[in-house]
Structure formats: structure tokens, C-alpha cells
C-alpha atoms as a PDB file:
ATOM      1  CA  MET A   1      35.811   5.761  -9.084  1.00  0.00           C
ATOM      2  CA  ALA A   2      33.282   7.717 -10.853  1.00  0.00           C
ATOM      3  CA  LEU A   3      31.063   9.505  -9.229  1.00  0.00           C
ATOM      4  CA  SER A   4      28.223   7.037 -11.029  1.00  0.00           C
ATOM      5  CA  GLU A   5      29.983   3.989  -9.698  1.00  0.00           C
ATOM      6  CA  LYS A   6      30.259   5.679  -5.746  1.00  0.00           C
ATOM      7  CA  VAL A   7      26.174   6.081  -6.909  1.00  0.00           C
ATOM      8  CA  SER A   8      25.518   2.717  -7.309  1.00  0.00           C
ATOM      9  CA  ASN A   9      28.398   1.115  -4.146  1.00  0.00           C
ATOM     10  CA  ARG A  10      26.675   3.405  -2.329  1.00  0.00           C
ATOM     11  CA  THR A  11      22.732   1.774  -3.273  1.00  0.00           C
ATOM     12  CA  ILE A  12      23.384  -1.494  -3.174  1.00  0.00           C
ATOM     13  CA  ASN A  13      25.242  -1.294   0.143  1.00  0.00           C
ATOM     14  CA  ILE A  14      22.223  -0.020   1.265  1.00  0.00           C
ATOM     15  CA  ILE A  15      19.930  -1.941  -0.038  1.00  0.00           C
ATOM     16  CA  ALA A  16      21.699  -5.097   0.800  1.00  0.00           C
ATOM     17  CA  ILE A  17      21.901  -4.018   4.556  1.00  0.00           C
ATOM     18  CA  THR A  18      18.184  -2.481   4.487  1.00  0.00           C
ATOM     19  CA  ILE A  19      16.541  -6.045   2.762  1.00  0.00           C
ATOM     20  CA  PRO A  20      17.784  -8.261   6.898  1.00  0.00           C
ATOM     21  CA  VAL A  21      17.388  -5.309   8.639  1.00  0.00           C
ATOM     22  CA  VAL A  22      14.152  -4.324   7.829  1.00  0.00           C
ATOM     23  CA  VAL A  23      12.987  -8.147   7.718  1.00  0.00           C
ATOM     24  CA  ALA A  24      14.895  -9.150  11.226  1.00  0.00           C
ATOM     25  CA  LEU A  25      12.213  -6.028  12.536  1.00  0.00           C
ATOM     26  CA  LEU A  26       9.903  -7.508  10.849  1.00  0.00           C
ATOM     27  CA  LEU A  27      10.457 -11.321  12.549  1.00  0.00           C
ATOM     28  CA  GLY A  28       9.952  -9.266  15.758  1.00  0.00           C
ATOM     29  CA  ILE A  29       6.033  -7.233  15.119  1.00  0.00           C
ATOM     30  CA  ARG A  30       3.885  -9.381  17.584  1.00  0.00           C
ATOM     31  CA  THR A  31       0.953  -7.033  16.118  1.00  0.00           C
ATOM     32  CA  LYS A  32      -0.128  -8.770  12.896  1.00  0.00           C
ATOM     33  CA  PHE A  33      -2.263  -6.771  10.256  1.00  0.00           C
ATOM     34  CA  ASP A  34      -5.075  -8.569   8.639  1.00  0.00           C
ATOM     35  CA  LEU A  35      -4.416  -9.041   5.578  1.00  0.00           C
ATOM     36  CA  GLY A  36      -6.858 -11.737   4.372  1.00  0.00           C
ATOM     37  CA  SER A  37      -6.632 -15.823   4.936  1.00  0.00           C
ATOM     38  CA  TRP A  38      -5.095 -16.123   1.569  1.00  0.00           C
ATOM     39  CA  THR A  39      -1.811 -15.148   2.931  1.00  0.00           C
ATOM     40  CA  THR A  40      -2.021 -18.531   4.640  1.00  0.00           C
ATOM     41  CA  ALA A  41      -1.227 -19.826   1.136  1.00  0.00           C
ATOM     42  CA  LEU A  42       2.430 -17.670   0.814  1.00  0.00           C
ATOM     43  CA  PRO A  43       4.686 -20.280   2.340  1.00  0.00           C
ATOM     44  CA  HIS A  44       3.354 -22.994  -0.423  1.00  0.00           C
ATOM     45  CA  ILE A  45       3.728 -19.834  -3.073  1.00  0.00           C
ATOM     46  CA  ASN A  46       7.414 -19.575  -1.675  1.00  0.00           C
ATOM     47  CA  ALA A  47       8.060 -23.062  -1.499  1.00  0.00           C
ATOM     48  CA  PHE A  48       7.722 -22.734  -5.188  1.00  0.00           C
ATOM     49  CA  ILE A  49       8.908 -20.316  -6.084  1.00  0.00           C
ATOM     50  CA  ASN A  50      12.449 -21.381  -4.145  1.00  0.00           C
ATOM     51  CA  SER A  51      12.351 -24.525  -5.836  1.00  0.00           C
ATOM     52  CA  PHE A  52      11.716 -22.605  -9.380  1.00  0.00           C
ATOM     53  CA  THR A  53      15.130 -19.670  -8.415  1.00  0.00           C
ATOM     54  CA  ALA A  54      16.858 -22.946  -7.558  1.00  0.00           C
ATOM     55  CA  LEU A  55      16.313 -23.949 -11.160  1.00  0.00           C
ATOM     56  CA  THR A  56      16.684 -21.222 -13.462  1.00  0.00           C
ATOM     57  CA  LEU A  57      19.516 -20.668 -11.751  1.00  0.00           C
ATOM     58  CA  VAL A  58      21.074 -23.829 -12.640  1.00  0.00           C
ATOM     59  CA  ILE A  59      19.460 -23.276 -16.219  1.00  0.00           C
ATOM     60  CA  GLY A  60      21.074 -20.265 -16.300  1.00  0.00           C
ATOM     61  CA  PHE A  61      24.657 -21.457 -15.264  1.00  0.00           C
ATOM     62  CA  ALA A  62      24.737 -23.974 -17.806  1.00  0.00           C
ATOM     63  CA  ALA A  63      23.730 -21.675 -20.081  1.00  0.00           C
ATOM     64  CA  ILE A  64      26.068 -19.452 -20.118  1.00  0.00           C
ATOM     65  CA  ARG A  65      28.471 -22.378 -19.580  1.00  0.00           C
ATOM     66  CA  ARG A  66      27.485 -23.782 -23.264  1.00  0.00           C
ATOM     67  CA  GLY A  67      28.106 -19.771 -24.158  1.00  0.00           C
ATOM     68  CA  LEU A  68      24.624 -18.865 -24.924  1.00  0.00           C
ATOM     69  CA  LYS A  69      24.936 -15.319 -23.313  1.00  0.00           C
ATOM     70  CA  LYS A  70      21.134 -14.500 -24.371  1.00  0.00           C
ATOM     71  CA  ALA A  71      19.833 -17.648 -22.650  1.00  0.00           C
ATOM     72  CA  HIS A  72      21.902 -16.789 -19.805  1.00  0.00           C
ATOM     73  CA  LYS A  73      20.341 -13.024 -19.105  1.00  0.00           C
ATOM     74  CA  ILE A  74      17.305 -14.556 -19.256  1.00  0.00           C
ATOM     75  CA  PHE A  75      17.138 -17.022 -16.785  1.00  0.00           C
ATOM     76  CA  MET A  76      19.250 -15.176 -14.566  1.00  0.00           C
ATOM     77  CA  LEU A  77      16.848 -11.886 -14.614  1.00  0.00           C
ATOM     78  CA  CYS A  78      14.136 -14.910 -14.139  1.00  0.00           C
ATOM     79  CA  SER A  79      15.723 -15.618 -11.106  1.00  0.00           C
ATOM     80  CA  VAL A  80      15.823 -12.094  -9.736  1.00  0.00           C
ATOM     81  CA  ALA A  81      12.563 -11.385 -10.517  1.00  0.00           C
ATOM     82  CA  LEU A  82      11.743 -15.069  -8.708  1.00  0.00           C
ATOM     83  CA  GLY A  83      13.820 -13.608  -5.766  1.00  0.00           C
ATOM     84  CA  THR A  84      12.044 -10.177  -5.616  1.00  0.00           C
ATOM     85  CA  VAL A  85       8.727 -11.670  -5.590  1.00  0.00           C
ATOM     86  CA  PHE A  86       9.516 -14.007  -2.956  1.00  0.00           C
ATOM     87  CA  LEU A  87      10.693 -11.102  -0.614  1.00  0.00           C
ATOM     88  CA  VAL A  88       7.090  -9.491  -1.339  1.00  0.00           C
ATOM     89  CA  SER A  89       5.646 -12.667  -0.308  1.00  0.00           C
ATOM     90  CA  TYR A  90       7.373 -13.462   2.366  1.00  0.00           C
ATOM     91  CA  VAL A  91       6.937  -9.757   3.738  1.00  0.00           C
ATOM     92  CA  LEU A  92       3.280 -10.527   3.732  1.00  0.00           C
ATOM     93  CA  TYR A  93       3.800 -13.081   4.761  1.00  0.00           C
ATOM     94  CA  HIS A  94       5.295 -12.239   8.004  1.00  0.00           C
ATOM     95  CA  LEU A  95       3.355  -9.229   8.479  1.00  0.00           C
ATOM     96  CA  SER A  96       0.103 -11.221   8.750  1.00  0.00           C
ATOM     97  CA  ASN A  97       0.961 -14.165  10.593  1.00  0.00           C
ATOM     98  CA  PRO A  98       2.880 -15.569  13.458  1.00  0.00           C
ATOM     99  CA  SER A  99       6.027 -17.182  13.235  1.00  0.00           C
ATOM    100  CA  THR A 100       5.045 -20.306  12.946  1.00  0.00           C
ATOM    101  CA  THR A 101       6.561 -23.374  15.423  1.00  0.00           C
ATOM    102  CA  PHE A 102       8.881 -26.245  14.597  1.00  0.00           C
ATOM    103  CA  GLY A 103       7.538 -29.160  16.151  1.00  0.00           C
ATOM    104  CA  GLY A 104      10.348 -32.021  15.604  1.00  0.00           C
ATOM    105  CA  THR A 105      12.203 -33.305  17.897  1.00  0.00           C
ATOM    106  CA  GLY A 106      16.105 -35.158  17.891  1.00  0.00           C
ATOM    107  CA  TRP A 107      17.932 -34.830  15.009  1.00  0.00           C
ATOM    108  CA  VAL A 108      15.503 -33.847  12.718  1.00  0.00           C
ATOM    109  CA  ALA A 109      14.946 -30.516  15.139  1.00  0.00           C
ATOM    110  CA  MET A 110      18.955 -30.364  15.229  1.00  0.00           C
ATOM    111  CA  VAL A 111      19.079 -30.318  10.784  1.00  0.00           C
ATOM    112  CA  TYR A 112      15.714 -28.192  10.824  1.00  0.00           C
ATOM    113  CA  TYR A 113      17.966 -26.327  12.957  1.00  0.00           C
ATOM    114  CA  ILE A 114      21.381 -26.093  10.852  1.00  0.00           C
ATOM    115  CA  LEU A 115      19.532 -25.304   7.550  1.00  0.00           C
ATOM    116  CA  LEU A 116      17.476 -22.300   9.180  1.00  0.00           C
ATOM    117  CA  ILE A 117      20.004 -20.648  10.860  1.00  0.00           C
ATOM    118  CA  SER A 118      22.718 -21.431   7.390  1.00  0.00           C
ATOM    119  CA  HIS A 119      19.863 -20.686   5.579  1.00  0.00           C
ATOM    120  CA  ILE A 120      18.782 -17.568   6.972  1.00  0.00           C
ATOM    121  CA  THR A 121      22.237 -15.917   7.181  1.00  0.00           C
ATOM    122  CA  LEU A 122      23.533 -16.434   3.569  1.00  0.00           C
ATOM    123  CA  ALA A 123      19.673 -15.117   2.101  1.00  0.00           C
ATOM    124  CA  ALA A 124      20.614 -12.368   3.977  1.00  0.00           C
ATOM    125  CA  VAL A 125      24.539 -11.717   2.709  1.00  0.00           C
ATOM    126  CA  VAL A 126      24.018 -12.933  -1.212  1.00  0.00           C
ATOM    127  CA  VAL A 127      21.876  -9.613  -1.503  1.00  0.00           C
ATOM    128  CA  PHE A 128      24.748  -7.680  -1.194  1.00  0.00           C
ATOM    129  CA  PHE A 129      25.991 -10.218  -4.424  1.00  0.00           C
ATOM    130  CA  VAL A 130      23.319 -10.348  -6.608  1.00  0.00           C
ATOM    131  CA  LEU A 131      23.223  -6.653  -6.689  1.00  0.00           C
ATOM    132  CA  LYS A 132      27.069  -6.549  -7.284  1.00  0.00           C
ATOM    133  CA  ALA A 133      26.656  -8.806 -10.268  1.00  0.00           C
ATOM    134  CA  LEU A 134      23.788  -7.444 -11.550  1.00  0.00           C
ATOM    135  CA  TYR A 135      25.858  -4.100 -11.362  1.00  0.00           C
ATOM    136  CA  PHE A 136      29.149  -5.679 -13.044  1.00  0.00           C
ATOM    137  CA  ALA A 137      26.514  -7.708 -15.447  1.00  0.00           C
ATOM    138  CA  PHE A 138      24.979  -4.003 -16.463  1.00  0.00           C
ATOM    139  CA  THR A 139      28.159  -2.352 -16.658  1.00  0.00           C
ATOM    140  CA  SER A 140      30.157  -5.270 -19.098  1.00  0.00           C
ATOM    141  CA  ASP A 141      32.185  -5.669 -16.510  1.00  0.00           C
ATOM    142  CA  PHE A 142      31.751  -9.331 -17.461  1.00  0.00           C
ATOM    143  CA  GLU A 143      35.677 -10.061 -15.230  1.00  0.00           C
ATOM    144  CA  ALA A 144      34.403  -8.044 -11.633  1.00  0.00           C
ATOM    145  CA  HIS A 145      30.201  -9.860 -13.325  1.00  0.00           C
ATOM    146  CA  LYS A 146      32.532 -13.111 -12.477  1.00  0.00           C
ATOM    147  CA  LYS A 147      34.613 -13.177  -9.627  1.00  0.00           C
ATOM    148  CA  VAL A 148      31.088 -11.672  -7.938  1.00  0.00           C
ATOM    149  CA  VAL A 149      29.413 -14.840  -8.868  1.00  0.00           C
ATOM    150  CA  LYS A 150      31.598 -17.290  -7.797  1.00  0.00           C
ATOM    151  CA  TRP A 151      29.796 -15.789  -4.244  1.00  0.00           C
ATOM    152  CA  ALA A 152      26.733 -15.273  -5.387  1.00  0.00           C
ATOM    153  CA  TYR A 153      26.002 -18.245  -7.394  1.00  0.00           C
ATOM    154  CA  PRO A 154      26.544 -21.095  -4.858  1.00  0.00           C
ATOM    155  CA  ILE A 155      25.423 -18.895  -2.378  1.00  0.00           C
ATOM    156  CA  TRP A 156      22.656 -18.314  -3.967  1.00  0.00           C
ATOM    157  CA  LEU A 157      21.434 -21.966  -5.145  1.00  0.00           C
ATOM    158  CA  TYR A 158      22.076 -22.692  -1.367  1.00  0.00           C
ATOM    159  CA  VAL A 159      19.595 -20.355  -0.035  1.00  0.00           C
ATOM    160  CA  SER A 160      16.717 -21.489  -2.540  1.00  0.00           C
ATOM    161  CA  ILE A 161      17.379 -25.339  -2.169  1.00  0.00           C
ATOM    162  CA  THR A 162      17.161 -24.272   1.558  1.00  0.00           C
ATOM    163  CA  GLY A 163      14.400 -23.095   1.564  1.00  0.00           C
ATOM    164  CA  VAL A 164      13.146 -25.584  -0.433  1.00  0.00           C
ATOM    165  CA  MET A 165      14.397 -28.000   2.782  1.00  0.00           C
ATOM    166  CA  VAL A 166      13.460 -25.706   5.617  1.00  0.00           C
ATOM    167  CA  TYR A 167       9.864 -25.241   4.526  1.00  0.00           C
ATOM    168  CA  ILE A 168       9.367 -29.549   3.691  1.00  0.00           C
ATOM    169  CA  LEU A 169      10.560 -30.002   7.695  1.00  0.00           C
ATOM    170  CA  ILE A 170       8.064 -27.104   8.925  1.00  0.00           C
ATOM    171  CA  SER A 171       5.089 -27.680   6.707  1.00  0.00           C
ATOM    172  CA  PRO A 172       3.461 -30.162   8.613  1.00  0.00           C
ATOM    173  CA  TYR A 173       3.490 -27.714  11.622  1.00  0.00           C
ATOM    174  CA  TYR A 174       0.936 -24.531   9.670  1.00  0.00           C
ATOM    175  CA  LYS A 175      -1.822 -23.685  10.994  1.00  0.00           C
ATOM    176  CA  HIS A 176      -4.522 -24.619   8.103  1.00  0.00           C
END
């Protein structure tokens, strides 16, 4: 393994571990920072970002299935950019606002918590796969890219869609 590959793998591992750990720590912070009332709109924006991410993922997948490599690259990079914007927005929201408590009961609560737990768990995991897929794509190791994408794509699509579903279920409980 070449030195640059070792450095890349180490960097990917550090980022893939750091992001979920920082987000988990962030959620545990009780003192919030006053960044302004505009931050209360961020969950709504995040739902839009998740919706658009799911769309760009599906279009990117369809493009590569049709052999449209340039379109695939554009849509997948859009997905990565949207994921980055989502992460920044999510962090800003949770730095400045308390977490919203879900108020549903019965089977709706069960559905909500199953979606939420699977969404959070897979959102933490998918970072590694997306970074590896990007690495292999940018180093033109398309065989390795395809192997990683078999995991990355369905997980990322699931995370994007369940993010919207969780938002729809909890949105009536946001304080405006």
C-alpha cells in the first residue's frame, strides 16, 4: 500500500469516526448558543435537503446505469455537496436549539422510533462508505468503487428518505 493510500485511508477513517462522535456530543450539550431565530427554520430546510439528496442519488444511479458517466459524476457530487450542507445546517440547529421531543403515541411512536434509530445508526455508518466511494472514484479504481457503492448507495438513499419521514412525523412538535 502506497504512502498516499495509507494517508487517505487514515484520513477517511478519522473523518468517518469524528463526524458521528462530534454530532453525538453536540446533541448532549445542554447549553445552546444564540445564533438567531433563523435557526428554527433549519429542520425544514434539512428536510428539503434530504429530499433533494434522495433525488440526486436516484438520478445519479440512473445516469450510470445508462452509461452517462459525466452526468453520474455531477449528480453524485451534488449529493455529496448536499450532504455537507445538511451536516453544517444540522450542527447549527443543534448548537442553537434544544432537541424536539416527539409527542406521538401508540403505533405512530413505534414507527417513528424505529425510523429514527435506523436513520441515525445508518447516517453514522454511511459517512465511511461515501468517503471510500469518493476516494476510489477520484483515484479511478472503479472496481473498488463499485464494490463500496453496493453498500453506500442503498444506505445513503435510505438515510435520505428516512430523514424526510422522521421530519414529517416530528414536524408538528417543533416550537415555532
